[in-house]
């Protein structure tokens, strides 16, 4: 075989190999990232809300919004919180694919449903810190000292629509306290409007869609 033929054959083989590589690159499927490969960030960054626009005072003390603020003398009687357990919060997953949706409402003494229209709701991860709040404040009625400001970085917020429907998307696997308030006035038999706080525990795993209403009967 002449040098000219060898050169032509070599060029043809090289061109064939390169064409195959290009074709393989074109047909390669798009990569899908798992939980551990997704970009991480604070949950607060995933919402259009910031710390200044969010009132989480219902995590600080067992008061409704229409009641007066605790005075300095009364603050000495507030229950002390346990130290903020940084190690527990550092272990929490920061990204996920779960969904928690439902409806927020209260039932009056006649069983009539009164929905929480356009109200704020949030998810508070279950830790020893939030367990103390749930046990001593929400259930026990104790007034608690102000929550550690670092807690805000681990809360996830949403708001209900006019029909009281709400949803949280992209929720990491884990257990949470689902918390919200329903403002209620004369329709609930009150002379002045009150904000009725409601909390319940909910768990989500993987890409699970959890249907969880947030409701209670009026006292």
N, C-alpha and C. Protein backbone atom coordinates (compact mmCIF):
# COMPACT_ATOMS: atom_id res chain seq x y z
N UNK A 1 0.86 -1.19 0.00
CA UNK A 1 0.00 0.00 0.00
C UNK A 1 0.89 1.24 0.00
N UNK A 2 0.59 2.19 -0.88
CA UNK A 2 1.42 3.38 -1.00
C UNK A 2 1.25 4.29 0.20
N UNK A 3 2.20 5.25 0.39
CA UNK A 3 2.14 6.20 1.48
C UNK A 3 0.88 7.07 1.38
N UNK A 4 0.49 7.38 0.14
CA UNK A 4 -0.69 8.22 -0.07
C UNK A 4 -1.95 7.50 0.41
N UNK A 5 -2.02 6.17 0.13
CA UNK A 5 -3.18 5.39 0.55
C UNK A 5 -3.20 5.23 2.07
N UNK A 6 -2.00 4.99 2.66
CA UNK A 6 -1.92 4.87 4.12
C UNK A 6 -2.36 6.17 4.81
N UNK A 7 -1.92 7.30 4.26
CA UNK A 7 -2.29 8.59 4.82
C UNK A 7 -3.80 8.82 4.74
N UNK A 8 -4.39 8.43 3.60
CA UNK A 8 -5.84 8.57 3.42
C UNK A 8 -6.60 7.69 4.40
N UNK A 9 -6.13 6.45 4.56
CA UNK A 9 -6.78 5.51 5.47
C UNK A 9 -6.69 5.99 6.92
N UNK A 10 -5.52 6.48 7.29
CA UNK A 10 -5.32 6.99 8.66
C UNK A 10 -6.24 8.17 8.94
N UNK A 11 -6.36 9.07 7.97
CA UNK A 11 -7.22 10.24 8.14
C UNK A 11 -8.68 9.83 8.26
N UNK A 12 -9.07 8.82 7.46
CA UNK A 12 -10.45 8.34 7.50
C UNK A 12 -10.79 7.72 8.86
N UNK A 13 -9.87 6.91 9.41
CA UNK A 13 -10.09 6.26 10.71
C UNK A 13 -10.19 7.31 11.82
N UNK A 14 -9.29 8.30 11.76
CA UNK A 14 -9.30 9.38 12.78
C UNK A 14 -10.62 10.14 12.74
N UNK A 15 -11.09 10.47 11.52
CA UNK A 15 -12.35 11.20 11.36
C UNK A 15 -13.51 10.38 11.89
N UNK A 16 -13.49 9.06 11.66
CA UNK A 16 -14.57 8.17 12.12
C UNK A 16 -14.63 8.14 13.65
N UNK A 17 -13.45 8.04 14.29
CA UNK A 17 -13.39 8.00 15.76
C UNK A 17 -13.90 9.29 16.36
N UNK A 18 -13.46 10.43 15.81
CA UNK A 18 -13.91 11.73 16.32
C UNK A 18 -15.40 11.91 16.15
N UNK A 19 -15.93 11.45 15.03
CA UNK A 19 -17.38 11.57 14.79
C UNK A 19 -18.16 10.76 15.81
N UNK A 20 -17.64 9.59 16.18
CA UNK A 20 -18.31 8.76 17.18
C UNK A 20 -18.34 9.42 18.53
N UNK A 21 -17.22 10.11 18.91
CA UNK A 21 -17.17 10.79 20.21
C UNK A 21 -18.17 11.92 20.28
N UNK A 22 -18.25 12.68 19.19
CA UNK A 22 -19.21 13.79 19.17
C UNK A 22 -20.63 13.28 19.30
N UNK A 23 -20.93 12.19 18.59
CA UNK A 23 -22.27 11.63 18.64
C UNK A 23 -22.61 11.15 20.04
N UNK A 24 -21.63 10.52 20.72
CA UNK A 24 -21.87 10.06 22.08
C UNK A 24 -22.16 11.21 23.01
N UNK A 25 -21.44 12.33 22.82
CA UNK A 25 -21.67 13.50 23.67
C UNK A 25 -23.07 14.05 23.46
N UNK A 26 -23.55 14.04 22.25
CA UNK A 26 -24.88 14.58 21.95
C UNK A 26 -25.97 13.73 22.60
N UNK A 27 -25.78 12.43 22.62
CA UNK A 27 -26.81 11.54 23.11
C UNK A 27 -26.75 11.30 24.61
N UNK A 28 -25.73 11.86 25.29
CA UNK A 28 -25.59 11.64 26.72
C UNK A 28 -26.75 12.28 27.46
N UNK A 29 -27.45 11.56 28.32
CA UNK A 29 -28.61 12.13 29.01
C UNK A 29 -28.20 13.19 30.02
N UNK A 30 -29.11 14.11 30.29
CA UNK A 30 -28.86 15.17 31.25
C UNK A 30 -28.79 14.59 32.66
N UNK A 31 -27.84 15.09 33.44
CA UNK A 31 -27.64 14.57 34.78
C UNK A 31 -28.68 15.15 35.73
N UNK A 32 -29.20 14.29 36.60
CA UNK A 32 -30.14 14.73 37.63
C UNK A 32 -29.46 14.58 38.98
N UNK A 33 -29.44 15.65 39.75
CA UNK A 33 -28.72 15.65 41.01
C UNK A 33 -29.60 15.13 42.14
N UNK A 34 -28.98 14.36 43.01
CA UNK A 34 -29.68 13.85 44.19
C UNK A 34 -29.68 14.87 45.30
N UNK A 35 -30.24 14.48 46.46
CA UNK A 35 -30.35 15.41 47.58
C UNK A 35 -29.01 15.97 47.99
N UNK A 36 -28.02 15.08 48.10
CA UNK A 36 -26.73 15.52 48.59
C UNK A 36 -25.96 16.36 47.60
N UNK A 37 -26.38 16.42 46.35
CA UNK A 37 -25.65 17.16 45.32
C UNK A 37 -26.32 18.48 44.99
N UNK A 38 -27.46 18.73 45.56
CA UNK A 38 -28.15 19.99 45.27
C UNK A 38 -27.46 21.14 46.00
N UNK A 39 -27.59 22.31 45.43
CA UNK A 39 -27.03 23.49 46.07
C UNK A 39 -27.75 23.75 47.38
N UNK A 40 -26.97 23.99 48.43
CA UNK A 40 -27.56 24.17 49.75
C UNK A 40 -27.70 25.64 50.09
N UNK A 41 -28.64 25.95 50.97
CA UNK A 41 -28.85 27.31 51.43
C UNK A 41 -29.89 27.31 52.51
N UNK A 42 -30.00 28.42 53.20
CA UNK A 42 -31.00 28.53 54.26
C UNK A 42 -32.40 28.49 53.68
N UNK A 43 -33.31 27.88 54.42
CA UNK A 43 -34.68 27.83 53.96
C UNK A 43 -35.25 29.24 53.78
N UNK A 44 -34.84 30.14 54.64
CA UNK A 44 -35.35 31.51 54.55
C UNK A 44 -35.01 32.13 53.20
N UNK A 45 -33.89 31.72 52.59
CA UNK A 45 -33.49 32.26 51.30
C UNK A 45 -34.40 31.79 50.18
N UNK A 46 -35.18 30.72 50.42
CA UNK A 46 -36.01 30.15 49.37
C UNK A 46 -37.39 30.82 49.30
N UNK A 47 -37.63 31.79 50.16
CA UNK A 47 -38.90 32.48 50.17
C UNK A 47 -38.69 33.95 49.83
N UNK A 48 -39.78 34.66 49.60
CA UNK A 48 -39.69 36.08 49.32
C UNK A 48 -39.78 36.89 50.60
N UNK A 49 -39.69 36.22 51.74
CA UNK A 49 -39.82 36.87 53.02
C UNK A 49 -38.45 37.05 53.66
N UNK A 50 -38.33 38.05 54.52
CA UNK A 50 -37.10 38.19 55.28
C UNK A 50 -37.45 38.28 56.76
N UNK A 51 -36.41 38.27 57.59
CA UNK A 51 -36.63 38.18 59.03
C UNK A 51 -37.40 39.38 59.56
N UNK A 52 -37.18 40.56 58.96
CA UNK A 52 -37.86 41.75 59.46
C UNK A 52 -39.36 41.73 59.16
N UNK A 53 -39.77 40.99 58.09
CA UNK A 53 -41.18 40.99 57.71
C UNK A 53 -41.96 39.83 58.32
N UNK A 54 -41.28 39.00 59.13
CA UNK A 54 -41.92 37.85 59.73
C UNK A 54 -42.03 38.02 61.23
N UNK A 55 -43.22 37.83 61.74
CA UNK A 55 -43.46 37.88 63.18
C UNK A 55 -43.54 36.46 63.71
N UNK A 56 -42.54 36.07 64.51
CA UNK A 56 -42.57 34.74 65.10
C UNK A 56 -42.72 34.86 66.61
N UNK A 57 -43.42 35.90 67.05
CA UNK A 57 -43.59 36.11 68.48
C UNK A 57 -44.39 35.00 69.13
N UNK A 58 -45.18 34.25 68.33
CA UNK A 58 -45.92 33.16 68.92
C UNK A 58 -45.01 31.99 69.27
N UNK A 59 -43.73 32.08 68.90
CA UNK A 59 -42.76 31.12 69.40
C UNK A 59 -42.09 31.62 70.67
N UNK A 60 -42.31 32.88 71.01
CA UNK A 60 -41.68 33.47 72.17
C UNK A 60 -42.55 33.42 73.42
N UNK A 61 -43.84 33.59 73.23
CA UNK A 61 -44.71 33.65 74.39
C UNK A 61 -46.11 33.21 73.99
N UNK A 62 -46.89 32.75 74.94
CA UNK A 62 -48.21 32.21 74.65
C UNK A 62 -49.26 33.32 74.71
N UNK A 63 -49.15 34.29 73.79
CA UNK A 63 -50.06 35.42 73.74
C UNK A 63 -50.70 35.52 72.38
N UNK A 64 -51.93 36.01 72.33
CA UNK A 64 -52.55 36.32 71.05
C UNK A 64 -52.23 37.77 70.71
N UNK A 65 -52.36 38.11 69.44
CA UNK A 65 -51.92 39.42 68.98
C UNK A 65 -52.72 40.57 69.58
N UNK A 66 -53.94 40.31 70.04
CA UNK A 66 -54.75 41.40 70.58
C UNK A 66 -54.45 41.65 72.05
N UNK A 67 -53.64 40.80 72.67
CA UNK A 67 -53.29 41.00 74.07
C UNK A 67 -52.11 41.94 74.18
N UNK A 68 -51.97 42.56 75.32
CA UNK A 68 -50.91 43.55 75.52
C UNK A 68 -49.54 42.87 75.63
N UNK A 69 -48.51 43.65 75.31
CA UNK A 69 -47.15 43.12 75.37
C UNK A 69 -46.71 42.97 76.81
N UNK A 70 -45.93 41.97 77.09
CA UNK A 70 -45.46 41.73 78.46
C UNK A 70 -44.51 42.85 78.88
N UNK A 71 -44.66 43.32 80.09
CA UNK A 71 -43.82 44.40 80.60
C UNK A 71 -42.50 43.82 81.10
N UNK A 72 -41.55 44.74 81.43
CA UNK A 72 -40.25 44.29 81.91
C UNK A 72 -40.37 43.52 83.22
N UNK A 73 -41.29 43.93 84.08
CA UNK A 73 -41.46 43.23 85.35
C UNK A 73 -41.99 41.82 85.12
N UNK A 74 -42.87 41.67 84.15
CA UNK A 74 -43.44 40.36 83.87
C UNK A 74 -42.44 39.45 83.18
N UNK A 75 -41.49 40.05 82.44
CA UNK A 75 -40.55 39.25 81.68
C UNK A 75 -39.69 38.37 82.59
N UNK A 76 -39.51 38.80 83.82
CA UNK A 76 -38.73 38.00 84.76
C UNK A 76 -39.42 36.69 85.08
N UNK A 77 -40.74 36.64 84.84
CA UNK A 77 -41.50 35.44 85.13
C UNK A 77 -41.58 34.49 83.93
N UNK A 78 -40.98 34.87 82.83
CA UNK A 78 -41.01 34.03 81.64
C UNK A 78 -40.12 32.79 81.83
N UNK A 79 -40.55 31.69 81.24
CA UNK A 79 -39.78 30.46 81.34
C UNK A 79 -38.52 30.54 80.50
N UNK A 80 -37.40 30.14 81.08
CA UNK A 80 -36.13 30.14 80.36
C UNK A 80 -36.11 29.02 79.33
N UNK A 81 -35.55 29.29 78.18
CA UNK A 81 -35.40 28.27 77.16
C UNK A 81 -34.10 27.49 77.40
N UNK A 82 -34.08 26.26 76.90
CA UNK A 82 -32.84 25.49 76.97
C UNK A 82 -31.84 26.12 76.00
N UNK A 83 -30.55 25.88 76.19
CA UNK A 83 -29.55 26.43 75.24
C UNK A 83 -29.85 25.95 73.82
N UNK A 84 -29.63 26.83 72.87
CA UNK A 84 -29.89 26.48 71.47
C UNK A 84 -28.98 25.33 71.06
N UNK A 85 -29.56 24.17 70.67
CA UNK A 85 -28.75 22.98 70.36
C UNK A 85 -28.18 23.03 68.94
N UNK A 86 -27.11 23.75 68.76
CA UNK A 86 -26.51 23.93 67.43
C UNK A 86 -26.24 22.62 66.73
N UNK A 87 -25.76 21.63 67.48
CA UNK A 87 -25.41 20.35 66.87
C UNK A 87 -26.63 19.67 66.27
N UNK A 88 -27.82 19.84 66.88
CA UNK A 88 -29.04 19.24 66.34
C UNK A 88 -29.43 19.90 65.02
N UNK A 89 -29.34 21.22 64.99
CA UNK A 89 -29.74 21.95 63.79
C UNK A 89 -28.74 21.76 62.65
N UNK A 90 -27.48 21.60 62.99
CA UNK A 90 -26.47 21.38 61.94
C UNK A 90 -26.67 20.04 61.23
N UNK A 91 -27.35 19.12 61.88
CA UNK A 91 -27.58 17.80 61.30
C UNK A 91 -28.83 17.75 60.41
N UNK A 92 -29.63 18.80 60.43
CA UNK A 92 -30.86 18.80 59.64
C UNK A 92 -30.55 18.89 58.15
N UNK A 93 -31.35 18.19 57.36
CA UNK A 93 -31.23 18.29 55.91
C UNK A 93 -31.73 19.66 55.46
N UNK A 94 -31.05 20.23 54.48
CA UNK A 94 -31.38 21.60 54.06
C UNK A 94 -32.15 21.65 52.75
N UNK A 95 -32.16 20.57 51.99
CA UNK A 95 -32.91 20.54 50.74
C UNK A 95 -33.74 19.27 50.68
N UNK A 96 -34.79 19.28 49.88
CA UNK A 96 -35.64 18.11 49.77
C UNK A 96 -36.66 18.25 48.65
N UNK A 97 -37.52 17.23 48.54
CA UNK A 97 -38.53 17.20 47.49
C UNK A 97 -39.92 16.88 48.02
N UNK A 98 -40.09 16.96 49.32
CA UNK A 98 -41.39 16.65 49.91
C UNK A 98 -42.37 17.81 49.79
N UNK A 99 -43.65 17.48 49.95
CA UNK A 99 -44.73 18.48 49.91
C UNK A 99 -45.66 18.26 51.09
N UNK A 100 -46.00 19.35 51.75
CA UNK A 100 -46.99 19.32 52.83
C UNK A 100 -48.08 20.32 52.48
N UNK A 101 -49.32 19.85 52.35
CA UNK A 101 -50.41 20.75 51.96
C UNK A 101 -51.65 20.44 52.78
N UNK A 102 -52.53 21.41 52.86
CA UNK A 102 -53.76 21.20 53.61
C UNK A 102 -54.58 22.48 53.71
N UNK A 103 -55.36 22.55 54.76
CA UNK A 103 -56.24 23.70 54.99
C UNK A 103 -56.15 24.08 56.46
N UNK A 104 -56.14 25.37 56.75
CA UNK A 104 -56.11 25.84 58.11
C UNK A 104 -57.47 26.44 58.46
N UNK A 105 -58.02 26.00 59.61
CA UNK A 105 -59.34 26.49 60.01
C UNK A 105 -59.60 26.17 61.48
N UNK A 106 -60.63 26.79 62.03
CA UNK A 106 -61.13 26.46 63.36
C UNK A 106 -62.61 26.09 63.23
N UNK A 107 -63.09 25.31 64.17
CA UNK A 107 -64.51 24.96 64.23
C UNK A 107 -65.13 25.59 65.47
N UNK A 108 -66.26 26.28 65.30
CA UNK A 108 -66.91 26.87 66.47
C UNK A 108 -67.68 25.78 67.21
N UNK A 109 -68.39 26.18 68.26
CA UNK A 109 -69.09 25.21 69.11
C UNK A 109 -70.20 24.48 68.36
N UNK A 110 -70.63 25.00 67.22
CA UNK A 110 -71.68 24.37 66.42
C UNK A 110 -71.09 23.54 65.27
N UNK A 111 -69.75 23.46 65.21
CA UNK A 111 -69.11 22.69 64.16
C UNK A 111 -68.91 23.46 62.87
N UNK A 112 -69.22 24.74 62.87
CA UNK A 112 -69.03 25.55 61.67
C UNK A 112 -67.55 25.80 61.43
N UNK A 113 -67.11 25.63 60.17
CA UNK A 113 -65.70 25.83 59.82
C UNK A 113 -65.44 27.30 59.49
N UNK A 114 -64.41 27.84 60.11
CA UNK A 114 -63.98 29.21 59.84
C UNK A 114 -62.53 29.15 59.39
N UNK A 115 -62.28 29.42 58.11
CA UNK A 115 -60.95 29.22 57.54
C UNK A 115 -60.03 30.38 57.86
N UNK A 116 -58.75 30.08 57.87
CA UNK A 116 -57.72 31.10 58.05
C UNK A 116 -57.32 31.63 56.69
N UNK A 117 -57.88 32.73 56.30
CA UNK A 117 -57.66 33.31 54.97
C UNK A 117 -56.44 34.22 54.97
N UNK A 118 -55.49 33.93 54.07
CA UNK A 118 -54.32 34.79 53.92
C UNK A 118 -53.47 34.88 55.17
N UNK A 119 -53.34 33.79 55.89
CA UNK A 119 -52.57 33.81 57.13
C UNK A 119 -51.21 33.16 56.96
N UNK A 120 -50.28 33.52 57.80
CA UNK A 120 -48.94 32.96 57.74
C UNK A 120 -48.89 31.58 58.41
N UNK A 121 -48.14 30.65 57.82
CA UNK A 121 -47.88 29.35 58.43
C UNK A 121 -46.38 29.07 58.31
N UNK A 122 -45.87 28.25 59.20
CA UNK A 122 -44.47 27.87 59.07
C UNK A 122 -44.22 26.49 59.63
N UNK A 123 -43.12 25.90 59.16
CA UNK A 123 -42.65 24.61 59.62
C UNK A 123 -41.45 24.85 60.53
N UNK A 124 -41.51 24.25 61.71
CA UNK A 124 -40.43 24.36 62.69
C UNK A 124 -39.89 22.95 62.92
N UNK A 125 -38.64 22.66 62.54
CA UNK A 125 -38.10 21.30 62.70
C UNK A 125 -38.20 20.81 64.15
N UNK A 126 -38.51 19.54 64.31
CA UNK A 126 -38.60 18.96 65.65
C UNK A 126 -37.20 18.73 66.19
N UNK A 127 -36.89 19.42 67.27
CA UNK A 127 -35.63 19.28 68.00
C UNK A 127 -35.95 19.38 69.48
N UNK A 128 -34.95 19.23 70.33
CA UNK A 128 -35.19 19.41 71.75
C UNK A 128 -35.62 20.84 72.05
N UNK A 129 -35.17 21.79 71.21
CA UNK A 129 -35.52 23.21 71.39
C UNK A 129 -36.99 23.45 71.08
N UNK A 130 -37.47 22.93 69.95
CA UNK A 130 -38.88 23.13 69.59
C UNK A 130 -39.79 22.24 70.44
N UNK A 131 -39.28 21.09 70.89
CA UNK A 131 -40.08 20.24 71.78
C UNK A 131 -40.41 20.96 73.08
N UNK A 132 -39.44 21.71 73.60
CA UNK A 132 -39.69 22.47 74.82
C UNK A 132 -40.79 23.49 74.59
N UNK A 133 -40.72 24.21 73.45
CA UNK A 133 -41.76 25.20 73.15
C UNK A 133 -43.13 24.55 73.04
N UNK A 134 -43.20 23.42 72.32
CA UNK A 134 -44.49 22.76 72.12
C UNK A 134 -45.06 22.27 73.44
N UNK A 135 -44.23 21.65 74.25
CA UNK A 135 -44.69 21.07 75.50
C UNK A 135 -45.06 22.13 76.54
N UNK A 136 -44.17 23.10 76.73
CA UNK A 136 -44.35 24.04 77.83
C UNK A 136 -45.17 25.27 77.46
N UNK A 137 -45.07 25.72 76.20
CA UNK A 137 -45.78 26.93 75.80
C UNK A 137 -47.10 26.61 75.11
N UNK A 138 -47.04 25.85 74.00
CA UNK A 138 -48.27 25.59 73.25
C UNK A 138 -49.25 24.73 74.04
N UNK A 139 -48.77 23.65 74.64
CA UNK A 139 -49.64 22.78 75.42
C UNK A 139 -49.79 23.28 76.85
N UNK A 140 -48.68 23.65 77.48
CA UNK A 140 -48.72 24.04 78.90
C UNK A 140 -49.15 25.46 79.16
N UNK A 141 -49.06 26.33 78.15
CA UNK A 141 -49.50 27.71 78.32
C UNK A 141 -48.49 28.63 78.97
N UNK A 142 -47.26 28.18 79.14
CA UNK A 142 -46.25 29.01 79.78
C UNK A 142 -45.76 30.11 78.84
N UNK A 143 -45.42 31.25 79.42
CA UNK A 143 -44.83 32.34 78.65
C UNK A 143 -43.33 32.10 78.62
N UNK A 144 -42.74 32.12 77.44
CA UNK A 144 -41.33 31.79 77.29
C UNK A 144 -40.51 32.99 76.86
N UNK A 145 -39.24 32.92 77.17
CA UNK A 145 -38.31 33.96 76.76
C UNK A 145 -38.18 33.97 75.24
N UNK A 146 -37.63 35.06 74.73
CA UNK A 146 -37.49 35.22 73.29
C UNK A 146 -36.66 34.09 72.69
N UNK A 147 -37.09 33.59 71.54
CA UNK A 147 -36.37 32.50 70.88
C UNK A 147 -35.03 32.99 70.34
N UNK A 148 -34.07 32.09 70.29
CA UNK A 148 -32.76 32.39 69.73
C UNK A 148 -32.92 32.81 68.27
N UNK A 149 -32.24 33.88 67.86
CA UNK A 149 -32.40 34.40 66.51
C UNK A 149 -31.95 33.40 65.43
N UNK A 150 -31.11 32.44 65.80
CA UNK A 150 -30.65 31.45 64.83
C UNK A 150 -31.78 30.52 64.38
N UNK A 151 -32.84 30.46 65.17
CA UNK A 151 -33.96 29.59 64.82
C UNK A 151 -34.56 29.98 63.48
N UNK A 152 -34.55 31.27 63.16
CA UNK A 152 -35.17 31.75 61.92
C UNK A 152 -34.59 31.06 60.69
N UNK A 153 -33.30 30.73 60.74
CA UNK A 153 -32.63 30.11 59.60
C UNK A 153 -33.15 28.71 59.29
N UNK A 154 -33.93 28.13 60.20
CA UNK A 154 -34.41 26.76 60.03
C UNK A 154 -35.93 26.67 59.89
N UNK A 155 -36.59 27.81 59.84
CA UNK A 155 -38.04 27.83 59.64
C UNK A 155 -38.35 27.95 58.16
N UNK A 156 -39.47 27.38 57.77
CA UNK A 156 -39.92 27.49 56.37
C UNK A 156 -41.32 28.08 56.37
N UNK A 157 -41.51 29.12 55.56
CA UNK A 157 -42.75 29.89 55.60
C UNK A 157 -43.61 29.71 54.35
N UNK A 158 -44.91 29.90 54.55
CA UNK A 158 -45.84 30.00 53.43
C UNK A 158 -47.06 30.78 53.93
N UNK A 159 -48.03 30.95 53.07
CA UNK A 159 -49.26 31.64 53.46
C UNK A 159 -50.44 30.94 52.81
N UNK A 160 -51.58 30.98 53.48
CA UNK A 160 -52.78 30.35 52.93
C UNK A 160 -53.45 31.28 51.93
N UNK A 161 -54.29 30.71 51.06
CA UNK A 161 -55.04 31.54 50.13
C UNK A 161 -56.36 31.97 50.78
N UNK A 162 -57.24 32.55 49.99
CA UNK A 162 -58.50 33.06 50.54
C UNK A 162 -59.40 31.95 51.08
N UNK A 163 -59.16 30.71 50.65
CA UNK A 163 -59.96 29.58 51.12
C UNK A 163 -59.27 28.79 52.23
N UNK A 164 -58.16 29.32 52.72
CA UNK A 164 -57.45 28.67 53.80
C UNK A 164 -56.54 27.54 53.37
N UNK A 165 -56.36 27.37 52.05
CA UNK A 165 -55.50 26.30 51.54
C UNK A 165 -54.04 26.77 51.56
N UNK A 166 -53.14 25.84 51.88
CA UNK A 166 -51.73 26.17 51.93
C UNK A 166 -50.90 24.99 51.42
N UNK A 167 -49.63 25.26 51.11
CA UNK A 167 -48.72 24.20 50.68
C UNK A 167 -47.28 24.63 50.91
N UNK A 168 -46.47 23.67 51.33
CA UNK A 168 -45.02 23.83 51.42
C UNK A 168 -44.40 22.89 50.39
N UNK A 169 -43.49 23.41 49.57
CA UNK A 169 -42.84 22.58 48.56
C UNK A 169 -41.34 22.48 48.83
N UNK A 170 -40.73 21.41 48.31
CA UNK A 170 -39.29 21.23 48.48
C UNK A 170 -38.89 21.03 49.92
N UNK A 171 -39.71 20.31 50.68
CA UNK A 171 -39.46 20.12 52.10
C UNK A 171 -38.49 18.95 52.30
N UNK A 172 -37.41 19.14 53.06
CA UNK A 172 -36.49 18.03 53.35
C UNK A 172 -37.15 16.97 54.24
N UNK A 173 -36.70 15.74 54.12
CA UNK A 173 -37.24 14.66 54.95
C UNK A 173 -37.01 14.98 56.43
N UNK A 174 -38.03 14.70 57.24
CA UNK A 174 -37.90 14.95 58.67
C UNK A 174 -39.23 15.21 59.32
N UNK A 175 -39.18 15.50 60.61
CA UNK A 175 -40.39 15.81 61.39
C UNK A 175 -40.42 17.30 61.71
N UNK A 176 -41.63 17.86 61.69
CA UNK A 176 -41.80 19.29 61.88
C UNK A 176 -43.02 19.59 62.74
N UNK A 177 -43.00 20.76 63.36
CA UNK A 177 -44.22 21.33 63.92
C UNK A 177 -44.79 22.26 62.87
N UNK A 178 -46.01 21.98 62.44
CA UNK A 178 -46.73 22.83 61.50
C UNK A 178 -47.52 23.82 62.33
N UNK A 179 -47.28 25.12 62.13
CA UNK A 179 -47.83 26.15 63.00
C UNK A 179 -48.49 27.25 62.17
N UNK A 180 -49.62 27.72 62.64
CA UNK A 180 -50.32 28.81 61.96
C UNK A 180 -51.33 29.45 62.90
N UNK A 181 -51.93 30.54 62.47
CA UNK A 181 -52.93 31.24 63.25
C UNK A 181 -54.15 31.54 62.41
N UNK A 182 -55.30 31.55 63.05
CA UNK A 182 -56.56 31.94 62.41
C UNK A 182 -57.09 33.16 63.15
N UNK A 183 -57.28 34.25 62.42
CA UNK A 183 -57.86 35.45 63.03
C UNK A 183 -59.37 35.31 63.03
N UNK A 184 -59.95 35.53 64.19
CA UNK A 184 -61.39 35.29 64.35
C UNK A 184 -61.99 36.36 65.26
N UNK A 185 -63.15 36.90 64.85
CA UNK A 185 -63.80 37.93 65.64
C UNK A 185 -65.23 37.55 66.00
N UNK A 186 -66.17 38.37 65.54
CA UNK A 186 -67.58 38.13 65.89
C UNK A 186 -68.10 36.80 65.36
N UNK A 187 -67.54 36.32 64.24
CA UNK A 187 -67.98 35.05 63.69
C UNK A 187 -67.65 33.89 64.63
N UNK A 188 -66.70 34.14 65.55
CA UNK A 188 -66.34 33.12 66.53
C UNK A 188 -66.94 33.43 67.91
N UNK A 189 -67.71 34.49 67.97
CA UNK A 189 -68.33 34.86 69.24
C UNK A 189 -67.49 35.76 70.11
N UNK A 190 -66.42 36.35 69.55
CA UNK A 190 -65.56 37.25 70.33
C UNK A 190 -65.98 38.70 70.08
N UNK A 191 -65.84 39.52 71.12
CA UNK A 191 -66.15 40.94 70.98
C UNK A 191 -65.08 41.65 70.15
N UNK A 192 -63.84 41.22 70.30
CA UNK A 192 -62.74 41.78 69.54
C UNK A 192 -62.00 40.65 68.83
N UNK A 193 -61.39 40.93 67.69
CA UNK A 193 -60.69 39.87 66.94
C UNK A 193 -59.56 39.25 67.76
N UNK A 194 -59.40 37.96 67.60
CA UNK A 194 -58.32 37.24 68.25
C UNK A 194 -57.57 36.40 67.23
N UNK A 195 -56.30 36.17 67.51
CA UNK A 195 -55.48 35.29 66.67
C UNK A 195 -55.32 33.97 67.41
N UNK A 196 -55.91 32.94 66.84
CA UNK A 196 -55.91 31.63 67.49
C UNK A 196 -54.78 30.79 66.91
N UNK A 197 -53.82 30.46 67.74
CA UNK A 197 -52.66 29.70 67.29
C UNK A 197 -52.98 28.21 67.25
N UNK A 198 -52.48 27.54 66.21
CA UNK A 198 -52.69 26.11 66.05
C UNK A 198 -51.35 25.48 65.69
N UNK A 199 -51.04 24.33 66.28
CA UNK A 199 -49.79 23.62 65.97
C UNK A 199 -50.04 22.12 66.01
N UNK A 200 -49.36 21.41 65.14
CA UNK A 200 -49.43 19.95 65.13
C UNK A 200 -48.13 19.41 64.56
N UNK A 201 -47.83 18.15 64.84
CA UNK A 201 -46.60 17.54 64.35
C UNK A 201 -46.90 16.82 63.03
N UNK A 202 -45.96 16.92 62.08
CA UNK A 202 -46.11 16.28 60.78
C UNK A 202 -44.76 15.75 60.34
N UNK A 203 -44.77 14.68 59.58
CA UNK A 203 -43.53 14.09 59.08
C UNK A 203 -43.62 13.88 57.58
N UNK A 204 -42.50 14.11 56.89
CA UNK A 204 -42.42 13.91 55.45
C UNK A 204 -41.15 13.13 55.13
N UNK A 205 -41.21 12.28 54.12
CA UNK A 205 -40.06 11.48 53.73
C UNK A 205 -39.90 11.47 52.22
N UNK A 206 -38.70 11.75 51.75
CA UNK A 206 -38.41 11.74 50.31
C UNK A 206 -39.29 12.71 49.54
N UNK A 207 -39.88 12.22 48.44
CA UNK A 207 -40.76 13.07 47.62
C UNK A 207 -42.23 12.86 47.98
N UNK A 208 -42.47 12.45 49.21
CA UNK A 208 -43.82 12.20 49.69
C UNK A 208 -44.68 13.47 49.67
N UNK A 209 -45.95 13.30 49.34
CA UNK A 209 -46.93 14.40 49.41
C UNK A 209 -47.83 14.13 50.61
N UNK A 210 -47.72 14.97 51.62
CA UNK A 210 -48.45 14.78 52.87
C UNK A 210 -49.64 15.73 52.91
N UNK A 211 -50.82 15.17 53.14
CA UNK A 211 -52.04 15.98 53.28
C UNK A 211 -52.30 16.15 54.78
N UNK A 212 -52.09 17.36 55.28
CA UNK A 212 -52.22 17.62 56.72
C UNK A 212 -52.94 18.94 56.97
N UNK A 213 -54.20 18.85 57.41
CA UNK A 213 -54.93 20.06 57.78
C UNK A 213 -54.42 20.56 59.13
N UNK A 214 -54.60 21.85 59.36
CA UNK A 214 -54.23 22.47 60.63
C UNK A 214 -55.50 23.08 61.21
N UNK A 215 -56.04 22.45 62.25
CA UNK A 215 -57.35 22.87 62.75
C UNK A 215 -57.49 22.59 64.24
N UNK A 216 -58.49 23.24 64.84
CA UNK A 216 -58.81 22.99 66.25
C UNK A 216 -60.22 23.52 66.50
N UNK A 217 -60.81 23.05 67.60
CA UNK A 217 -62.11 23.56 68.04
C UNK A 217 -61.89 24.74 68.97
N UNK A 218 -62.79 25.70 68.90
CA UNK A 218 -62.71 26.85 69.79
C UNK A 218 -63.03 26.42 71.22
N UNK A 219 -62.36 27.07 72.16
CA UNK A 219 -62.61 26.76 73.57
C UNK A 219 -63.99 27.26 74.00
